[in-house]
């Protein structure tokens, strides 16, 4: 495991500290979970961009054209 030294604005530190106390977590746990979640979100965004670049509007329309033009069943309506 590595140690990371980071400087945080005082207001952010107080928020993290308050949250950690409320949730009965250590500061290390809160920072680790928050950083993991943000990295995951960034990676997901990049993954979706890559997938979108490989997509084809024409192929999408072709598949969509195979869907019957009908009202959904009652149990499927929003």
PDB file of N, CA and C in Angstrom:
ATOM      1  N   UNK A   1       0.838  -1.171   0.000  1.00  0.00           N
ATOM      2  CA  UNK A   1       0.000   0.000   0.000  1.00  0.00           C
ATOM      3  C   UNK A   1       0.885   1.236   0.000  1.00  0.00           C
ATOM      4  N   UNK A   2       0.464   2.250  -0.710  1.00  0.00           N
ATOM      5  CA  UNK A   2       1.232   3.493  -0.818  1.00  0.00           C
ATOM      6  C   UNK A   2       0.614   4.585   0.049  1.00  0.00           C
ATOM      7  N   UNK A   3       1.428   5.533   0.438  1.00  0.00           N
ATOM      8  CA  UNK A   3       0.979   6.701   1.179  1.00  0.00           C
ATOM      9  C   UNK A   3       0.965   7.889   0.239  1.00  0.00           C
ATOM     10  N   UNK A   4      -0.116   8.643   0.291  1.00  0.00           N
ATOM     11  CA  UNK A   4      -0.271   9.823  -0.562  1.00  0.00           C
ATOM     12  C   UNK A   4      -0.439  11.042   0.332  1.00  0.00           C
ATOM     13  N   UNK A   5       0.361  12.042   0.074  1.00  0.00           N
ATOM     14  CA  UNK A   5       0.213  13.301   0.794  1.00  0.00           C
ATOM     15  C   UNK A   5      -0.435  14.290  -0.170  1.00  0.00           C
ATOM     16  N   UNK A   6      -1.537  14.869   0.271  1.00  0.00           N
ATOM     17  CA  UNK A   6      -2.258  15.800  -0.595  1.00  0.00           C
ATOM     18  C   UNK A   6      -2.678  17.017   0.211  1.00  0.00           C
ATOM     19  N   UNK A   7      -2.758  18.136  -0.455  1.00  0.00           N
ATOM     20  CA  UNK A   7      -3.233  19.350   0.188  1.00  0.00           C
ATOM     21  C   UNK A   7      -4.673  19.588  -0.239  1.00  0.00           C
ATOM     22  N   UNK A   8      -5.537  19.801   0.753  1.00  0.00           N
ATOM     23  CA  UNK A   8      -6.953  20.053   0.502  1.00  0.00           C
ATOM     24  C   UNK A   8      -7.317  21.437   1.025  1.00  0.00           C
ATOM     25  N   UNK A   9      -8.244  22.080   0.373  1.00  0.00           N
ATOM     26  CA  UNK A   9      -8.756  23.327   0.942  1.00  0.00           C
ATOM     27  C   UNK A   9      -9.389  23.031   2.310  1.00  0.00           C
ATOM     28  N   UNK A  10      -9.268  23.957   3.222  1.00  0.00           N
ATOM     29  CA  UNK A  10      -9.781  23.747   4.578  1.00  0.00           C
ATOM     30  C   UNK A  10     -11.258  23.361   4.577  1.00  0.00           C
ATOM     31  N   UNK A  11     -12.053  24.011   3.744  1.00  0.00           N
ATOM     32  CA  UNK A  11     -13.495  23.732   3.712  1.00  0.00           C
ATOM     33  C   UNK A  11     -13.765  22.288   3.279  1.00  0.00           C
ATOM     34  N   UNK A  12     -13.027  21.798   2.290  1.00  0.00           N
ATOM     35  CA  UNK A  12     -13.206  20.421   1.836  1.00  0.00           C
ATOM     36  C   UNK A  12     -12.773  19.442   2.921  1.00  0.00           C
ATOM     37  N   UNK A  13     -11.679  19.736   3.582  1.00  0.00           N
ATOM     38  CA  UNK A  13     -11.210  18.869   4.658  1.00  0.00           C
ATOM     39  C   UNK A  13     -12.263  18.764   5.758  1.00  0.00           C
ATOM     40  N   UNK A  14     -12.858  19.892   6.127  1.00  0.00           N
ATOM     41  CA  UNK A  14     -13.892  19.870   7.169  1.00  0.00           C
ATOM     42  C   UNK A  14     -15.087  19.027   6.739  1.00  0.00           C
ATOM     43  N   UNK A  15     -15.457  19.114   5.456  1.00  0.00           N
ATOM     44  CA  UNK A  15     -16.572  18.301   4.952  1.00  0.00           C
ATOM     45  C   UNK A  15     -16.239  16.816   5.038  1.00  0.00           C
ATOM     46  N   UNK A  16     -15.040  16.456   4.620  1.00  0.00           N
ATOM     47  CA  UNK A  16     -14.611  15.050   4.652  1.00  0.00           C
ATOM     48  C   UNK A  16     -14.577  14.558   6.095  1.00  0.00           C
ATOM     49  N   UNK A  17     -14.024  15.363   6.959  1.00  0.00           N
ATOM     50  CA  UNK A  17     -13.916  14.992   8.367  1.00  0.00           C
ATOM     51  C   UNK A  17     -15.306  14.812   8.994  1.00  0.00           C
ATOM     52  N   UNK A  18     -16.206  15.732   8.705  1.00  0.00           N
ATOM     53  CA  UNK A  18     -17.574  15.657   9.243  1.00  0.00           C
ATOM     54  C   UNK A  18     -18.283  14.405   8.724  1.00  0.00           C
ATOM     55  N   UNK A  19     -18.122  14.126   7.432  1.00  0.00           N
ATOM     56  CA  UNK A  19     -18.735  12.942   6.836  1.00  0.00           C
ATOM     57  C   UNK A  19     -18.174  11.667   7.456  1.00  0.00           C
ATOM     58  N   UNK A  20     -16.881  11.623   7.655  1.00  0.00           N
ATOM     59  CA  UNK A  20     -16.235  10.438   8.227  1.00  0.00           C
ATOM     60  C   UNK A  20     -16.765  10.157   9.630  1.00  0.00           C
ATOM     61  N   UNK A  21     -16.911  11.186  10.423  1.00  0.00           N
ATOM     62  CA  UNK A  21     -17.438  11.015  11.784  1.00  0.00           C
ATOM     63  C   UNK A  21     -18.874  10.522  11.720  1.00  0.00           C
ATOM     64  N   UNK A  22     -19.680  11.155  10.869  1.00  0.00           N
ATOM     65  CA  UNK A  22     -21.097  10.781  10.741  1.00  0.00           C
ATOM     66  C   UNK A  22     -21.249   9.320  10.333  1.00  0.00           C
ATOM     67  N   UNK A  23     -20.429   8.866   9.395  1.00  0.00           N
ATOM     68  CA  UNK A  23     -20.525   7.498   8.863  1.00  0.00           C
ATOM     69  C   UNK A  23     -19.656   6.500   9.628  1.00  0.00           C
ATOM     70  N   UNK A  24     -18.986   6.988  10.662  1.00  0.00           N
ATOM     71  CA  UNK A  24     -18.098   6.152  11.473  1.00  0.00           C
ATOM     72  C   UNK A  24     -17.025   5.468  10.620  1.00  0.00           C
ATOM     73  N   UNK A  25     -16.394   6.267   9.782  1.00  0.00           N
ATOM     74  CA  UNK A  25     -15.315   5.801   8.916  1.00  0.00           C
ATOM     75  C   UNK A  25     -14.062   6.610   9.223  1.00  0.00           C
ATOM     76  N   UNK A  26     -12.925   6.054   8.844  1.00  0.00           N
ATOM     77  CA  UNK A  26     -11.692   6.824   8.977  1.00  0.00           C
ATOM     78  C   UNK A  26     -11.581   7.779   7.785  1.00  0.00           C
ATOM     79  N   UNK A  27     -10.769   8.797   7.955  1.00  0.00           N
ATOM     80  CA  UNK A  27     -10.521   9.717   6.839  1.00  0.00           C
ATOM     81  C   UNK A  27      -9.929   8.956   5.658  1.00  0.00           C
ATOM     82  N   UNK A  28      -9.045   8.013   5.938  1.00  0.00           N
ATOM     83  CA  UNK A  28      -8.445   7.201   4.873  1.00  0.00           C
ATOM     84  C   UNK A  28      -9.519   6.461   4.079  1.00  0.00           C
ATOM     85  N   UNK A  29     -10.489   5.886   4.782  1.00  0.00           N
ATOM     86  CA  UNK A  29     -11.560   5.146   4.097  1.00  0.00           C
ATOM     87  C   UNK A  29     -12.391   6.065   3.210  1.00  0.00           C
ATOM     88  N   UNK A  30     -12.760   7.227   3.733  1.00  0.00           N
ATOM     89  CA  UNK A  30     -13.582   8.168   2.965  1.00  0.00           C
ATOM     90  C   UNK A  30     -12.839   8.630   1.712  1.00  0.00           C
ATOM     91  N   UNK A  31     -11.583   8.996   1.873  1.00  0.00           N
ATOM     92  CA  UNK A  31     -10.799   9.478   0.732  1.00  0.00           C
ATOM     93  C   UNK A  31     -10.594   8.362  -0.286  1.00  0.00           C
ATOM     94  N   UNK A  32     -10.311   7.158   0.173  1.00  0.00           N
ATOM     95  CA  UNK A  32     -10.103   6.028  -0.738  1.00  0.00           C
ATOM     96  C   UNK A  32     -11.360   5.719  -1.536  1.00  0.00           C
ATOM     97  N   UNK A  33     -12.503   5.662  -0.862  1.00  0.00           N
ATOM     98  CA  UNK A  33     -13.760   5.364  -1.559  1.00  0.00           C
ATOM     99  C   UNK A  33     -14.116   6.483  -2.534  1.00  0.00           C
ATOM    100  N   UNK A  34     -13.970   7.730  -2.105  1.00  0.00           N
ATOM    101  CA  UNK A  34     -14.303   8.862  -2.970  1.00  0.00           C
ATOM    102  C   UNK A  34     -13.397   8.902  -4.204  1.00  0.00           C
ATOM    103  N   UNK A  35     -12.125   8.687  -4.005  1.00  0.00           N
ATOM    104  CA  UNK A  35     -11.185   8.692  -5.127  1.00  0.00           C
ATOM    105  C   UNK A  35     -11.450   7.524  -6.068  1.00  0.00           C
ATOM    106  N   UNK A  36     -11.735   6.358  -5.508  1.00  0.00           N
ATOM    107  CA  UNK A  36     -12.058   5.193  -6.337  1.00  0.00           C
ATOM    108  C   UNK A  36     -13.304   5.444  -7.185  1.00  0.00           C
ATOM    109  N   UNK A  37     -14.325   6.024  -6.574  1.00  0.00           N
ATOM    110  CA  UNK A  37     -15.562   6.301  -7.304  1.00  0.00           C
ATOM    111  C   UNK A  37     -15.320   7.294  -8.432  1.00  0.00           C
ATOM    112  N   UNK A  38     -14.534   8.320  -8.181  1.00  0.00           N
ATOM    113  CA  UNK A  38     -14.284   9.328  -9.216  1.00  0.00           C
ATOM    114  C   UNK A  38     -13.450   8.760 -10.354  1.00  0.00           C
ATOM    115  N   UNK A  39     -12.428   7.990 -10.045  1.00  0.00           N
ATOM    116  CA  UNK A  39     -11.604   7.366 -11.087  1.00  0.00           C
ATOM    117  C   UNK A  39     -12.465   6.434 -11.933  1.00  0.00           C
ATOM    118  N   UNK A  40     -13.332   5.678 -11.287  1.00  0.00           N
ATOM    119  CA  UNK A  40     -14.236   4.782 -12.001  1.00  0.00           C
ATOM    120  C   UNK A  40     -15.149   5.562 -12.940  1.00  0.00           C
ATOM    121  N   UNK A  41     -15.672   6.679 -12.480  1.00  0.00           N
ATOM    122  CA  UNK A  41     -16.545   7.512 -13.323  1.00  0.00           C
ATOM    123  C   UNK A  41     -15.783   8.039 -14.536  1.00  0.00           C
ATOM    124  N   UNK A  42     -14.564   8.497 -14.322  1.00  0.00           N
ATOM    125  CA  UNK A  42     -13.755   8.998 -15.442  1.00  0.00           C
ATOM    126  C   UNK A  42     -13.457   7.891 -16.442  1.00  0.00           C
ATOM    127  N   UNK A  43     -13.131   6.709 -15.925  1.00  0.00           N
ATOM    128  CA  UNK A  43     -12.816   5.590 -16.815  1.00  0.00           C
ATOM    129  C   UNK A  43     -14.063   5.152 -17.600  1.00  0.00           C
ATOM    130  N   UNK A  44     -15.212   5.179 -16.956  1.00  0.00           N
ATOM    131  CA  UNK A  44     -16.461   4.814 -17.620  1.00  0.00           C
ATOM    132  C   UNK A  44     -16.761   5.810 -18.740  1.00  0.00           C
ATOM    133  N   UNK A  45     -16.555   7.077 -18.468  1.00  0.00           N
ATOM    134  CA  UNK A  45     -16.775   8.113 -19.480  1.00  0.00           C
ATOM    135  C   UNK A  45     -15.883   7.861 -20.695  1.00  0.00           C
ATOM    136  N   UNK A  46     -14.621   7.567 -20.450  1.00  0.00           N
ATOM    137  CA  UNK A  46     -13.695   7.288 -21.550  1.00  0.00           C
ATOM    138  C   UNK A  46     -14.119   6.033 -22.312  1.00  0.00           C
ATOM    139  N   UNK A  47     -14.545   5.000 -21.587  1.00  0.00           N
ATOM    140  CA  UNK A  47     -14.983   3.750 -22.211  1.00  0.00           C
ATOM    141  C   UNK A  47     -16.189   4.012 -23.115  1.00  0.00           C
ATOM    142  N   UNK A  48     -17.142   4.777 -22.627  1.00  0.00           N
ATOM    143  CA  UNK A  48     -18.339   5.070 -23.427  1.00  0.00           C
ATOM    144  C   UNK A  48     -17.995   5.890 -24.669  1.00  0.00           C
ATOM    145  N   UNK A  49     -17.054   6.803 -24.540  1.00  0.00           N
ATOM    146  CA  UNK A  49     -16.615   7.574 -25.712  1.00  0.00           C
ATOM    147  C   UNK A  49     -15.999   6.657 -26.762  1.00  0.00           C
ATOM    148  N   UNK A  50     -15.169   5.724 -26.306  1.00  0.00           N
ATOM    149  CA  UNK A  50     -14.539   4.778 -27.234  1.00  0.00           C
ATOM    150  C   UNK A  50     -15.586   3.916 -27.926  1.00  0.00           C
ATOM    151  N   UNK A  51     -16.555   3.414 -27.151  1.00  0.00           N
ATOM    152  CA  UNK A  51     -17.616   2.587 -27.733  1.00  0.00           C
ATOM    153  C   UNK A  51     -18.458   3.394 -28.719  1.00  0.00           C
ATOM    154  N   UNK A  52     -18.757   4.624 -28.380  1.00  0.00           N
ATOM    155  CA  UNK A  52     -19.561   5.474 -29.268  1.00  0.00           C
ATOM    156  C   UNK A  52     -18.837   5.720 -30.582  1.00  0.00           C
ATOM    157  N   UNK A  53     -17.519   5.853 -30.513  1.00  0.00           N
ATOM    158  CA  UNK A  53     -16.743   6.097 -31.734  1.00  0.00           C
ATOM    159  C   UNK A  53     -16.800   4.902 -32.677  1.00  0.00           C
ATOM    160  N   UNK A  54     -16.996   3.699 -32.122  1.00  0.00           N
ATOM    161  CA  UNK A  54     -17.079   2.498 -32.953  1.00  0.00           C
ATOM    162  C   UNK A  54     -18.499   2.242 -33.456  1.00  0.00           C
ATOM    163  N   UNK A  55     -19.461   2.973 -32.910  1.00  0.00           N
ATOM    164  CA  UNK A  55     -20.861   2.751 -33.274  1.00  0.00           C
ATOM    165  C   UNK A  55     -21.202   3.283 -34.649  1.00  0.00           C
ATOM    166  N   UNK A  56     -22.336   2.851 -35.146  1.00  0.00           N
ATOM    167  CA  UNK A  56     -22.794   3.283 -36.460  1.00  0.00           C
ATOM    168  C   UNK A  56     -24.276   3.640 -36.363  1.00  0.00           C
ATOM    169  N   UNK A  57     -24.589   4.870 -36.710  1.00  0.00           N
ATOM    170  CA  UNK A  57     -25.976   5.323 -36.697  1.00  0.00           C
ATOM    171  C   UNK A  57     -26.810   4.494 -37.671  1.00  0.00           C
ATOM    172  N   UNK A  58     -26.235   4.138 -38.802  1.00  0.00           N
ATOM    173  CA  UNK A  58     -26.953   3.352 -39.799  1.00  0.00           C
ATOM    174  C   UNK A  58     -27.298   1.959 -39.255  1.00  0.00           C
ATOM    175  N   UNK A  59     -26.345   1.319 -38.594  1.00  0.00           N
ATOM    176  CA  UNK A  59     -26.613  -0.005 -38.024  1.00  0.00           C
ATOM    177  C   UNK A  59     -27.663   0.077 -36.920  1.00  0.00           C
ATOM    178  N   UNK A  60     -27.601   1.134 -36.136  1.00  0.00           N
ATOM    179  CA  UNK A  60     -28.600   1.337 -35.091  1.00  0.00           C
ATOM    180  C   UNK A  60     -29.995   1.458 -35.706  1.00  0.00           C
ATOM    181  N   UNK A  61     -30.111   2.259 -36.760  1.00  0.00           N
ATOM    182  CA  UNK A  61     -31.399   2.444 -37.433  1.00  0.00           C
ATOM    183  C   UNK A  61     -31.883   1.126 -38.034  1.00  0.00           C
ATOM    184  N   UNK A  62     -30.958   0.339 -38.563  1.00  0.00           N
ATOM    185  CA  UNK A  62     -31.307  -0.958 -39.148  1.00  0.00           C
ATOM    186  C   UNK A  62     -31.907  -1.892 -38.089  1.00  0.00           C
ATOM    187  N   UNK A  63     -31.269  -1.949 -36.930  1.00  0.00           N
ATOM    188  CA  UNK A  63     -31.786  -2.786 -35.847  1.00  0.00           C
ATOM    189  C   UNK A  63     -33.115  -2.240 -35.348  1.00  0.00           C
ATOM    190  N   UNK A  64     -33.199  -0.936 -35.185  1.00  0.00           N
ATOM    191  CA  UNK A  64     -34.422  -0.314 -34.690  1.00  0.00           C
ATOM    192  C   UNK A  64     -35.590  -0.535 -35.640  1.00  0.00           C
ATOM    193  N   UNK A  65     -35.305  -0.616 -36.916  1.00  0.00           N
ATOM    194  CA  UNK A  65     -36.384  -0.818 -37.897  1.00  0.00           C
ATOM    195  C   UNK A  65     -37.037  -2.195 -37.748  1.00  0.00           C
ATOM    196  N   UNK A  66     -36.375  -3.112 -37.074  1.00  0.00           N
ATOM    197  CA  UNK A  66     -36.920  -4.454 -36.877  1.00  0.00           C
ATOM    198  C   UNK A  66     -37.882  -4.526 -35.689  1.00  0.00           C
ATOM    199  N   UNK A  67     -37.935  -3.463 -34.894  1.00  0.00           N
ATOM    200  CA  UNK A  67     -38.827  -3.441 -33.737  1.00  0.00           C
ATOM    201  C   UNK A  67     -40.239  -3.138 -34.226  1.00  0.00           C
ATOM    202  N   UNK A  68     -41.215  -3.949 -33.838  1.00  0.00           N
ATOM    203  CA  UNK A  68     -42.577  -3.715 -34.304  1.00  0.00           C
ATOM    204  C   UNK A  68     -43.128  -2.384 -33.785  1.00  0.00           C
ATOM    205  N   UNK A  69     -43.902  -1.725 -34.614  1.00  0.00           N
ATOM    206  CA  UNK A  69     -44.519  -0.457 -34.237  1.00  0.00           C
ATOM    207  C   UNK A  69     -45.836  -0.775 -33.538  1.00  0.00           C
ATOM    208  N   UNK A  70     -45.744  -1.046 -32.239  1.00  0.00           N
ATOM    209  CA  UNK A  70     -46.927  -1.442 -31.484  1.00  0.00           C
ATOM    210  C   UNK A  70     -46.857  -0.853 -30.086  1.00  0.00           C
ATOM    211  N   UNK A  71     -48.011  -0.672 -29.492  1.00  0.00           N
ATOM    212  CA  UNK A  71     -48.071  -0.197 -28.112  1.00  0.00           C
ATOM    213  C   UNK A  71     -47.540  -1.289 -27.186  1.00  0.00           C
ATOM    214  N   UNK A  72     -46.846  -0.898 -26.120  1.00  0.00           N
ATOM    215  CA  UNK A  72     -46.362  -1.912 -25.182  1.00  0.00           C
ATOM    216  C   UNK A  72     -47.516  -2.516 -24.381  1.00  0.00           C
ATOM    217  N   UNK A  73     -47.280  -3.690 -23.848  1.00  0.00           N
ATOM    218  CA  UNK A  73     -48.266  -4.309 -22.965  1.00  0.00           C
ATOM    219  C   UNK A  73     -48.466  -3.410 -21.742  1.00  0.00           C
ATOM    220  N   UNK A  74     -49.613  -3.542 -21.079  1.00  0.00           N
ATOM    221  CA  UNK A  74     -49.899  -2.701 -19.915  1.00  0.00           C
ATOM    222  C   UNK A  74     -48.818  -2.809 -18.848  1.00  0.00           C
ATOM    223  N   UNK A  75     -48.311  -4.019 -18.632  1.00  0.00           N
ATOM    224  CA  UNK A  75     -47.285  -4.205 -17.592  1.00  0.00           C
ATOM    225  C   UNK A  75     -45.945  -3.578 -17.979  1.00  0.00           C
ATOM    226  N   UNK A  76     -45.787  -3.184 -19.226  1.00  0.00           N
ATOM    227  CA  UNK A  76     -44.539  -2.606 -19.701  1.00  0.00           C
ATOM    228  C   UNK A  76     -44.603  -1.092 -19.845  1.00  0.00           C
ATOM    229  N   UNK A  77     -45.741  -0.499 -19.599  1.00  0.00           N
ATOM    230  CA  UNK A  77     -45.890   0.955 -19.737  1.00  0.00           C
ATOM    231  C   UNK A  77     -45.363   1.672 -18.493  1.00  0.00           C
ATOM    232  N   UNK A  78     -44.859   2.846 -18.745  1.00  0.00           N
ATOM    233  CA  UNK A  78     -44.355   3.671 -17.630  1.00  0.00           C
ATOM    234  C   UNK A  78     -45.487   4.427 -17.001  1.00  0.00           C
TER     235      UNK A  78
END
